[in-house]
Amino acid sequence: MIVDFHHTVLLVSDFDRSLSFYCDTLGFELISRDEDRRGPFLDQMFAINGVVIKLALVRAGGEIIEIIEPVAPGALRGITDASNANFGIARIGFEVNEIEKMVEDLTAKGVTFISDIVDMTVGHYAGGKVIFFKDPDGILLELQQPSEPGKIT
């Protein structure tokens, strides 16, 4: 039985750039950082010999994101859903309290948004606000301000 959401993993092309983006720009908390993670455990877990990765854990609220940059040639190839298919993880959404202020702050830090803030008018989303942007590797991210804090949309 699944009891809770544990973490999300993002494979990135530049470890330091991504850590700076998620921690300095978005304000996530750095939990741990390992720039030379390797060993039998990783090889067994991924069924690939010679896995070497850079790995950091960052936290936003109660959720953990693993930021991983594969280091060894071929490390982690084929264990991501990144592809040209029309399925897979579409984006990661983050709840915010004051979306206009957050967009203003992030814009000042160089973040480019895909659109203006959109007022949600449909079903359980009604009364909320949303906007999309991308991280340095083009991973689609979402800021969402629900009509009531913590409301599942």
Protein backbone atom coordinates (compact mmCIF):
# COMPACT_ATOMS: atom_id res chain seq x y z
CA MET A 1 0.00 0.00 0.00
CA ILE A 2 1.36 3.43 -0.93
CA VAL A 3 1.27 5.68 2.13
CA ASP A 4 2.67 8.98 0.82
CA PHE A 5 4.43 10.73 -2.04
CA HIS A 6 8.20 10.39 -1.53
CA HIS A 7 10.16 12.32 -4.18
CA THR A 8 10.53 13.39 -7.81
CA VAL A 9 13.76 13.00 -9.78
CA LEU A 10 14.93 15.52 -12.37
CA LEU A 11 17.77 14.52 -14.69
CA VAL A 12 19.70 17.68 -15.55
CA SER A 13 22.56 18.60 -17.86
CA ASP A 14 24.38 21.02 -15.52
CA PHE A 15 24.30 20.16 -11.82
CA ASP A 16 25.51 23.51 -10.47
CA ARG A 17 23.25 25.55 -12.77
CA SER A 18 20.21 23.51 -11.74
CA LEU A 19 21.03 23.71 -8.03
CA SER A 20 21.39 27.46 -8.35
CA PHE A 21 18.04 27.67 -10.16
CA TYR A 22 16.09 25.53 -7.69
CA CYS A 23 17.74 26.86 -4.51
CA ASP A 24 18.76 30.44 -5.26
CA THR A 25 16.08 31.38 -7.79
CA LEU A 26 13.08 29.35 -6.61
CA GLY A 27 14.05 29.28 -2.92
CA PHE A 28 14.16 25.51 -2.33
CA GLU A 29 16.12 24.24 0.67
CA LEU A 30 19.28 22.22 -0.06
CA ILE A 31 19.11 19.02 2.02
CA SER A 32 22.20 17.20 0.73
CA ARG A 33 24.69 17.22 -2.11
CA ASP A 34 26.97 14.46 -3.44
CA GLU A 35 29.06 15.12 -6.54
CA ASP A 36 30.47 11.59 -6.80
CA ARG A 37 27.73 9.07 -6.07
CA ARG A 38 28.67 5.58 -7.28
CA GLY A 39 28.93 1.99 -6.16
CA PRO A 40 27.31 -1.44 -6.26
CA PHE A 41 24.03 -0.13 -4.86
CA LEU A 42 23.48 2.21 -7.83
CA ASP A 43 24.66 -0.39 -10.34
CA GLN A 44 22.20 -2.92 -8.91
CA MET A 45 19.34 -0.44 -8.62
CA PHE A 46 19.59 0.70 -12.25
CA ALA A 47 20.90 -2.62 -13.67
CA ILE A 48 23.74 -0.66 -15.32
CA ASN A 49 27.44 -1.13 -14.52
CA GLY A 50 29.58 1.90 -13.66
CA VAL A 51 26.86 4.38 -12.71
CA VAL A 52 28.33 7.68 -11.53
CA ILE A 53 26.05 10.61 -10.79
CA LYS A 54 25.95 13.98 -9.11
CA LEU A 55 22.93 14.05 -6.79
CA ALA A 56 21.33 16.70 -4.60
CA LEU A 57 18.16 16.61 -2.56
CA VAL A 58 16.18 19.84 -2.36
CA ARG A 59 12.93 20.51 -0.54
CA ALA A 60 9.96 22.70 -1.35
CA GLY A 61 7.45 22.58 1.47
CA GLY A 62 7.14 18.92 2.39
CA GLU A 63 8.19 17.52 -0.98
CA ILE A 64 11.65 16.37 -2.03
CA ILE A 65 13.16 16.71 -5.49
CA GLU A 66 16.31 14.78 -6.44
CA ILE A 67 18.44 16.67 -8.91
CA ILE A 68 20.69 14.24 -10.77
CA GLU A 69 23.34 14.83 -13.40
CA PRO A 70 24.61 11.57 -14.94
CA VAL A 71 28.43 11.65 -15.04
CA ALA A 72 29.67 8.30 -16.41
CA PRO A 73 29.12 7.76 -20.13
CA GLY A 74 25.71 6.19 -20.59
CA ALA A 75 24.81 6.46 -16.92
CA LEU A 76 21.05 6.19 -16.50
CA ARG A 77 20.39 6.03 -20.24
CA GLY A 78 16.94 4.62 -20.86
CA ILE A 79 15.51 5.05 -17.35
CA THR A 80 13.78 8.35 -17.94
CA ASP A 81 10.52 9.15 -19.66
CA ALA A 82 12.15 12.05 -21.51
CA SER A 83 11.30 11.37 -25.14
CA ASN A 84 9.36 12.68 -28.09
CA ALA A 85 6.36 10.55 -27.13
CA ASN A 86 3.02 12.12 -26.28
CA PHE A 87 3.03 10.60 -22.82
CA GLY A 88 5.13 10.76 -19.65
CA ILE A 89 5.51 13.40 -16.98
CA ALA A 90 4.13 16.65 -18.38
CA ARG A 91 5.17 19.12 -15.68
CA ILE A 92 5.72 19.68 -11.97
CA GLY A 93 3.36 22.09 -10.23
CA PHE A 94 4.11 24.14 -7.12
CA GLU A 95 1.53 25.84 -4.91
CA VAL A 96 2.13 29.49 -4.06
CA ASN A 97 0.23 31.96 -1.90
CA GLU A 98 0.81 35.18 -3.84
CA ILE A 99 1.30 34.25 -7.48
CA GLU A 100 1.64 37.83 -8.74
CA LYS A 101 4.44 38.56 -6.24
CA MET A 102 6.18 35.26 -7.02
CA VAL A 103 6.06 35.96 -10.77
CA GLU A 104 7.41 39.47 -10.19
CA ASP A 105 10.26 38.15 -8.01
CA LEU A 106 11.17 35.35 -10.43
CA THR A 107 11.03 37.67 -13.44
CA ALA A 108 13.51 39.96 -11.66
CA LYS A 109 15.77 36.91 -11.27
CA GLY A 110 15.65 36.20 -15.02
CA VAL A 111 12.89 33.58 -15.21
CA THR A 112 10.86 33.81 -18.42
CA PHE A 113 7.22 32.76 -18.26
CA ILE A 114 5.35 31.09 -21.11
CA SER A 115 2.25 33.27 -20.69
CA ASP A 116 0.65 35.75 -18.36
CA ILE A 117 -1.05 34.50 -15.18
CA VAL A 118 -4.28 32.72 -16.15
CA ASP A 119 -7.42 32.90 -13.99
CA MET A 120 -8.86 29.41 -13.75
CA THR A 121 -12.58 29.21 -14.49
CA VAL A 122 -13.26 25.50 -14.93
CA GLY A 123 -14.63 22.99 -12.38
CA HIS A 124 -12.51 22.36 -9.31
CA TYR A 125 -9.86 24.79 -10.64
CA ALA A 126 -12.31 27.72 -10.56
CA GLY A 127 -11.07 30.73 -8.64
CA GLY A 128 -7.40 29.73 -8.85
CA LYS A 129 -4.54 31.15 -10.89
CA VAL A 130 -1.78 29.40 -12.85
CA ILE A 131 1.32 30.15 -14.91
CA PHE A 132 3.95 27.95 -16.62
CA PHE A 133 7.72 28.40 -17.00
CA LYS A 134 10.78 26.23 -17.66
CA ASP A 135 13.89 25.35 -15.71
CA PRO A 136 17.35 25.68 -17.35
CA ASP A 137 16.97 22.25 -19.03
CA GLY A 138 13.51 23.06 -20.39
CA ILE A 139 11.62 21.02 -17.78
CA LEU A 140 8.12 22.48 -17.64
CA LEU A 141 7.15 23.88 -14.24
CA GLU A 142 3.92 25.40 -12.97
CA LEU A 143 3.04 27.89 -10.26
CA GLN A 144 -0.51 27.47 -9.04
CA GLN A 145 -2.42 29.53 -6.53
CA PRO A 146 -5.59 27.63 -5.65
CA SER A 147 -8.74 29.50 -4.66
CA GLU A 148 -8.08 28.35 -1.08
CA PRO A 149 -4.61 27.49 0.29
CA GLY A 150 -4.02 23.74 0.15
CA LYS A 151 -7.10 23.06 -1.99
CA ILE A 152 -6.47 20.17 -4.31
CA THR A 153 -6.89 21.30 -7.87
